[in-house]
Amino acid sequence: ALLEDTEMLPVLVSNLSLMSGKSTDAAGAFAAEYIAFQHDWSGGVRAMQNTPVCVILAKEDPTFNFDGLPRLKEAYPWISFEVMDRAGLALMYQRYEDLIPKIAAAARRAAA
């Protein structure tokens, strides 16, 4: 469906060109991000308890165990957790029409 969207197609092509370009290492960046995510990040999260945080999770993300979500909510009660259906690892591309207004609203709140 995204490839048929005349506004989204150039964005996807540009991003794919950037990720697969000769001067980039998207696989290395993805691996580094994944490895970093495997470390204990609870201290960094606790350090943000005075900062509004919203974590948006993709319901079809195979890397997240949704059975653990209640424990996360209990451990980090200041964080707003939202689960979006019809999205997986490509959440930003699959649900951009829903995410962009959320990000814009958060930016406006932060600037106020």
N, C-alpha and C. Protein backbone atom coordinates (compact mmCIF):
# COMPACT_ATOMS: atom_id res chain seq x y z
N ALA A 1 0.82 -1.20 0.00
CA ALA A 1 0.00 0.00 0.00
C ALA A 1 0.86 1.26 0.00
N LEU A 2 1.99 1.22 0.73
CA LEU A 2 2.85 2.41 0.78
C LEU A 2 3.46 2.71 -0.58
N LEU A 3 3.78 1.68 -1.35
CA LEU A 3 4.38 1.90 -2.66
C LEU A 3 3.41 2.52 -3.65
N GLU A 4 2.12 2.38 -3.39
CA GLU A 4 1.10 2.97 -4.25
C GLU A 4 0.78 4.42 -3.86
N ASP A 5 1.25 4.85 -2.69
CA ASP A 5 1.02 6.21 -2.20
C ASP A 5 1.99 7.15 -2.92
N THR A 6 1.47 8.05 -3.76
CA THR A 6 2.34 8.91 -4.58
C THR A 6 3.17 9.88 -3.73
N GLU A 7 2.73 10.21 -2.53
CA GLU A 7 3.52 11.08 -1.66
C GLU A 7 4.57 10.28 -0.89
N MET A 8 4.25 9.06 -0.55
CA MET A 8 5.15 8.24 0.27
C MET A 8 6.24 7.56 -0.54
N LEU A 9 5.96 7.21 -1.78
CA LEU A 9 6.92 6.49 -2.61
C LEU A 9 8.27 7.21 -2.70
N PRO A 10 8.32 8.52 -3.01
CA PRO A 10 9.63 9.18 -3.08
C PRO A 10 10.37 9.17 -1.74
N VAL A 11 9.64 9.23 -0.64
CA VAL A 11 10.27 9.19 0.68
C VAL A 11 10.90 7.81 0.91
N LEU A 12 10.16 6.77 0.58
CA LEU A 12 10.69 5.42 0.73
C LEU A 12 11.90 5.18 -0.15
N VAL A 13 11.83 5.61 -1.40
CA VAL A 13 12.95 5.43 -2.34
C VAL A 13 14.17 6.18 -1.84
N SER A 14 13.98 7.40 -1.37
CA SER A 14 15.09 8.19 -0.86
C SER A 14 15.72 7.53 0.36
N ASN A 15 14.89 7.06 1.29
CA ASN A 15 15.42 6.40 2.48
C ASN A 15 16.14 5.11 2.13
N LEU A 16 15.58 4.33 1.21
CA LEU A 16 16.24 3.09 0.81
C LEU A 16 17.57 3.38 0.12
N SER A 17 17.61 4.43 -0.69
CA SER A 17 18.86 4.81 -1.34
C SER A 17 19.90 5.22 -0.30
N LEU A 18 19.46 5.97 0.69
CA LEU A 18 20.37 6.39 1.75
C LEU A 18 20.90 5.19 2.52
N MET A 19 20.00 4.26 2.87
CA MET A 19 20.40 3.10 3.66
C MET A 19 21.29 2.14 2.89
N SER A 20 21.13 2.06 1.58
CA SER A 20 21.90 1.10 0.81
C SER A 20 23.03 1.76 0.02
N GLY A 21 23.28 3.02 0.28
CA GLY A 21 24.34 3.73 -0.44
C GLY A 21 25.72 3.19 -0.12
N LYS A 22 26.67 3.48 -0.99
CA LYS A 22 28.03 2.98 -0.82
C LYS A 22 28.73 3.54 0.41
N SER A 23 28.32 4.72 0.86
CA SER A 23 28.99 5.34 2.00
C SER A 23 28.25 5.08 3.32
N THR A 24 27.22 4.25 3.30
CA THR A 24 26.47 3.98 4.52
C THR A 24 26.58 2.53 4.92
N ASP A 25 26.30 2.28 6.16
CA ASP A 25 26.32 0.91 6.69
C ASP A 25 25.07 0.73 7.54
N ALA A 26 23.92 0.63 6.88
CA ALA A 26 22.65 0.51 7.60
C ALA A 26 22.61 -0.78 8.42
N ALA A 27 23.15 -1.85 7.89
CA ALA A 27 23.15 -3.12 8.64
C ALA A 27 23.98 -2.98 9.91
N GLY A 28 25.10 -2.31 9.81
CA GLY A 28 25.95 -2.09 10.99
C GLY A 28 25.26 -1.21 12.01
N ALA A 29 24.59 -0.17 11.53
CA ALA A 29 23.86 0.72 12.44
C ALA A 29 22.73 -0.02 13.12
N PHE A 30 22.00 -0.84 12.36
CA PHE A 30 20.91 -1.62 12.95
C PHE A 30 21.46 -2.59 14.00
N ALA A 31 22.56 -3.26 13.68
CA ALA A 31 23.16 -4.20 14.62
C ALA A 31 23.63 -3.49 15.88
N ALA A 32 24.25 -2.32 15.72
CA ALA A 32 24.71 -1.56 16.89
C ALA A 32 23.54 -1.13 17.76
N GLU A 33 22.46 -0.70 17.14
CA GLU A 33 21.27 -0.29 17.88
C GLU A 33 20.67 -1.49 18.62
N TYR A 34 20.59 -2.61 17.95
CA TYR A 34 20.01 -3.81 18.56
C TYR A 34 20.85 -4.27 19.74
N ILE A 35 22.17 -4.27 19.57
CA ILE A 35 23.06 -4.68 20.65
C ILE A 35 22.95 -3.72 21.83
N ALA A 36 22.91 -2.42 21.55
CA ALA A 36 22.79 -1.43 22.62
C ALA A 36 21.49 -1.61 23.39
N PHE A 37 20.44 -2.02 22.69
CA PHE A 37 19.13 -2.20 23.32
C PHE A 37 19.15 -3.37 24.31
N GLN A 38 20.09 -4.28 24.13
CA GLN A 38 20.15 -5.47 24.98
C GLN A 38 20.76 -5.19 26.35
N HIS A 39 21.32 -4.01 26.54
CA HIS A 39 21.93 -3.66 27.83
C HIS A 39 20.86 -3.16 28.80
N ASP A 40 21.21 -3.11 30.06
CA ASP A 40 20.30 -2.60 31.09
C ASP A 40 20.18 -1.09 30.93
N TRP A 41 19.03 -0.62 30.54
CA TRP A 41 18.80 0.81 30.31
C TRP A 41 17.90 1.41 31.38
N SER A 42 17.63 0.66 32.46
CA SER A 42 16.70 1.14 33.48
C SER A 42 17.20 2.41 34.17
N GLY A 43 18.51 2.54 34.39
CA GLY A 43 19.03 3.75 35.03
C GLY A 43 18.79 4.99 34.18
N GLY A 44 19.01 4.87 32.88
CA GLY A 44 18.75 6.00 31.98
C GLY A 44 17.28 6.37 31.94
N VAL A 45 16.42 5.36 31.99
CA VAL A 45 14.98 5.63 31.97
C VAL A 45 14.56 6.32 33.26
N ARG A 46 15.07 5.84 34.39
CA ARG A 46 14.73 6.47 35.68
C ARG A 46 15.20 7.92 35.74
N ALA A 47 16.31 8.22 35.08
CA ALA A 47 16.83 9.58 35.06
C ALA A 47 15.90 10.54 34.33
N MET A 48 14.96 10.00 33.56
CA MET A 48 14.02 10.84 32.79
C MET A 48 12.67 10.97 33.47
N GLN A 49 12.55 10.63 34.75
CA GLN A 49 11.23 10.62 35.34
C GLN A 49 10.59 12.00 35.48
N ASN A 50 11.35 13.06 35.28
CA ASN A 50 10.76 14.39 35.28
C ASN A 50 10.54 14.92 33.87
N THR A 51 10.73 14.06 32.89
CA THR A 51 10.54 14.41 31.49
C THR A 51 9.35 13.62 30.95
N PRO A 52 8.42 14.29 30.29
CA PRO A 52 7.30 13.53 29.71
C PRO A 52 7.81 12.55 28.66
N VAL A 53 7.46 11.29 28.81
CA VAL A 53 7.90 10.25 27.89
C VAL A 53 6.70 9.44 27.42
N CYS A 54 6.64 9.22 26.13
CA CYS A 54 5.60 8.37 25.56
C CYS A 54 6.31 7.33 24.70
N VAL A 55 6.09 6.07 25.02
CA VAL A 55 6.66 4.98 24.25
C VAL A 55 5.55 4.40 23.39
N ILE A 56 5.77 4.42 22.08
CA ILE A 56 4.77 3.89 21.15
C ILE A 56 5.29 2.57 20.62
N LEU A 57 4.54 1.52 20.89
CA LEU A 57 4.93 0.17 20.50
C LEU A 57 4.06 -0.32 19.35
N ALA A 58 4.65 -1.10 18.48
CA ALA A 58 3.92 -1.68 17.35
C ALA A 58 3.44 -3.08 17.74
N LYS A 59 2.15 -3.29 17.64
CA LYS A 59 1.54 -4.55 18.08
C LYS A 59 2.15 -5.77 17.39
N GLU A 60 2.55 -5.64 16.14
CA GLU A 60 3.10 -6.78 15.41
C GLU A 60 4.63 -6.83 15.45
N ASP A 61 5.25 -6.10 16.36
CA ASP A 61 6.71 -6.12 16.49
C ASP A 61 7.14 -7.44 17.13
N PRO A 62 7.85 -8.28 16.37
CA PRO A 62 8.22 -9.59 16.91
C PRO A 62 9.32 -9.53 17.96
N THR A 63 9.96 -8.36 18.14
CA THR A 63 11.06 -8.26 19.09
C THR A 63 10.61 -7.85 20.48
N PHE A 64 9.32 -7.52 20.64
CA PHE A 64 8.83 -7.06 21.93
C PHE A 64 7.87 -8.07 22.53
N ASN A 65 8.08 -8.40 23.79
CA ASN A 65 7.21 -9.32 24.51
C ASN A 65 6.12 -8.52 25.22
N PHE A 66 4.94 -8.50 24.65
CA PHE A 66 3.85 -7.70 25.21
C PHE A 66 3.34 -8.23 26.54
N ASP A 67 3.68 -9.47 26.87
CA ASP A 67 3.32 -10.00 28.19
C ASP A 67 4.03 -9.22 29.30
N GLY A 68 5.17 -8.61 28.98
CA GLY A 68 5.93 -7.84 29.97
C GLY A 68 5.49 -6.39 30.10
N LEU A 69 4.56 -5.94 29.27
CA LEU A 69 4.14 -4.54 29.31
C LEU A 69 3.58 -4.11 30.67
N PRO A 70 2.75 -4.91 31.32
CA PRO A 70 2.27 -4.49 32.66
C PRO A 70 3.42 -4.25 33.65
N ARG A 71 4.48 -5.05 33.57
CA ARG A 71 5.62 -4.85 34.46
C ARG A 71 6.34 -3.54 34.14
N LEU A 72 6.44 -3.21 32.87
CA LEU A 72 7.06 -1.94 32.49
C LEU A 72 6.23 -0.77 33.00
N LYS A 73 4.92 -0.85 32.85
CA LYS A 73 4.04 0.22 33.34
C LYS A 73 4.16 0.39 34.84
N GLU A 74 4.31 -0.73 35.54
CA GLU A 74 4.45 -0.67 37.00
C GLU A 74 5.81 -0.08 37.39
N ALA A 75 6.85 -0.47 36.70
CA ALA A 75 8.20 0.00 37.01
C ALA A 75 8.41 1.46 36.65
N TYR A 76 7.73 1.93 35.60
CA TYR A 76 7.92 3.28 35.10
C TYR A 76 6.56 3.98 34.98
N PRO A 77 5.92 4.31 36.09
CA PRO A 77 4.56 4.85 36.03
C PRO A 77 4.45 6.23 35.38
N TRP A 78 5.53 6.97 35.23
CA TRP A 78 5.49 8.28 34.60
C TRP A 78 5.52 8.20 33.07
N ILE A 79 5.76 7.01 32.54
CA ILE A 79 5.83 6.84 31.10
C ILE A 79 4.46 6.43 30.56
N SER A 80 4.07 7.06 29.48
CA SER A 80 2.84 6.70 28.79
C SER A 80 3.20 5.67 27.72
N PHE A 81 2.59 4.50 27.79
CA PHE A 81 2.82 3.45 26.79
C PHE A 81 1.60 3.35 25.90
N GLU A 82 1.83 3.38 24.61
CA GLU A 82 0.74 3.26 23.65
C GLU A 82 1.08 2.14 22.67
N VAL A 83 0.11 1.30 22.38
CA VAL A 83 0.31 0.19 21.44
C VAL A 83 -0.50 0.48 20.19
N MET A 84 0.18 0.46 19.04
CA MET A 84 -0.49 0.72 17.78
C MET A 84 -0.67 -0.57 17.00
N ASP A 85 -1.89 -0.83 16.58
CA ASP A 85 -2.19 -2.00 15.74
C ASP A 85 -1.72 -1.72 14.32
N ARG A 86 -1.71 -2.77 13.51
CA ARG A 86 -1.36 -2.68 12.09
C ARG A 86 0.03 -2.10 11.87
N ALA A 87 0.97 -2.51 12.72
CA ALA A 87 2.34 -2.03 12.55
C ALA A 87 3.31 -3.02 13.18
N GLY A 88 4.50 -3.05 12.62
CA GLY A 88 5.56 -3.91 13.13
C GLY A 88 6.84 -3.13 13.26
N LEU A 89 7.94 -3.72 12.82
CA LEU A 89 9.24 -3.07 12.94
C LEU A 89 9.32 -1.77 12.15
N ALA A 90 8.50 -1.62 11.13
CA ALA A 90 8.50 -0.40 10.30
C ALA A 90 7.42 0.57 10.74
N LEU A 91 7.21 0.67 12.04
CA LEU A 91 6.15 1.53 12.60
C LEU A 91 6.14 2.93 12.00
N MET A 92 7.30 3.56 11.89
CA MET A 92 7.35 4.93 11.37
C MET A 92 6.82 5.03 9.95
N TYR A 93 6.98 3.99 9.15
CA TYR A 93 6.49 4.00 7.78
C TYR A 93 5.04 3.52 7.70
N GLN A 94 4.71 2.56 8.53
CA GLN A 94 3.38 1.97 8.47
C GLN A 94 2.30 2.88 9.05
N ARG A 95 2.65 3.69 10.04
CA ARG A 95 1.64 4.50 10.72
C ARG A 95 2.06 5.97 10.80
N TYR A 96 2.81 6.44 9.81
CA TYR A 96 3.32 7.82 9.84
C TYR A 96 2.20 8.85 9.94
N GLU A 97 1.05 8.57 9.34
CA GLU A 97 -0.04 9.55 9.40
C GLU A 97 -0.55 9.73 10.82
N ASP A 98 -0.41 8.71 11.65
CA ASP A 98 -0.81 8.81 13.05
C ASP A 98 0.32 9.34 13.93
N LEU A 99 1.55 9.02 13.57
CA LEU A 99 2.69 9.39 14.40
C LEU A 99 3.10 10.85 14.25
N ILE A 100 3.06 11.38 13.05
CA ILE A 100 3.52 12.75 12.84
C ILE A 100 2.74 13.76 13.69
N PRO A 101 1.41 13.68 13.76
CA PRO A 101 0.70 14.61 14.64
C PRO A 101 1.07 14.45 16.12
N LYS A 102 1.33 13.22 16.56
CA LYS A 102 1.74 12.98 17.95
C LYS A 102 3.10 13.63 18.23
N ILE A 103 4.03 13.46 17.29
CA ILE A 103 5.36 14.04 17.46
C ILE A 103 5.27 15.57 17.42
N ALA A 104 4.47 16.10 16.53
CA ALA A 104 4.30 17.56 16.43
C ALA A 104 3.69 18.12 17.72
N ALA A 105 2.69 17.43 18.26
CA ALA A 105 2.06 17.90 19.51
C ALA A 105 3.07 17.87 20.66
N ALA A 106 3.89 16.83 20.72
CA ALA A 106 4.91 16.74 21.77
C ALA A 106 5.92 17.87 21.62
N ALA A 107 6.30 18.19 20.38
CA ALA A 107 7.25 19.29 20.15
C ALA A 107 6.65 20.62 20.57
N ARG A 108 5.36 20.81 20.27
CA ARG A 108 4.71 22.06 20.69
C ARG A 108 4.66 22.17 22.21
N ARG A 109 4.36 21.07 22.89
CA ARG A 109 4.33 21.09 24.37
C ARG A 109 5.72 21.40 24.92
N ALA A 110 6.74 20.82 24.33
CA ALA A 110 8.10 21.03 24.81
C ALA A 110 8.54 22.47 24.59
N ALA A 111 8.07 23.09 23.52
CA ALA A 111 8.47 24.47 23.21
C ALA A 111 7.70 25.50 24.04
N ALA A 112 6.59 25.09 24.62
CA ALA A 112 5.74 26.05 25.37
C ALA A 112 6.36 26.41 26.70
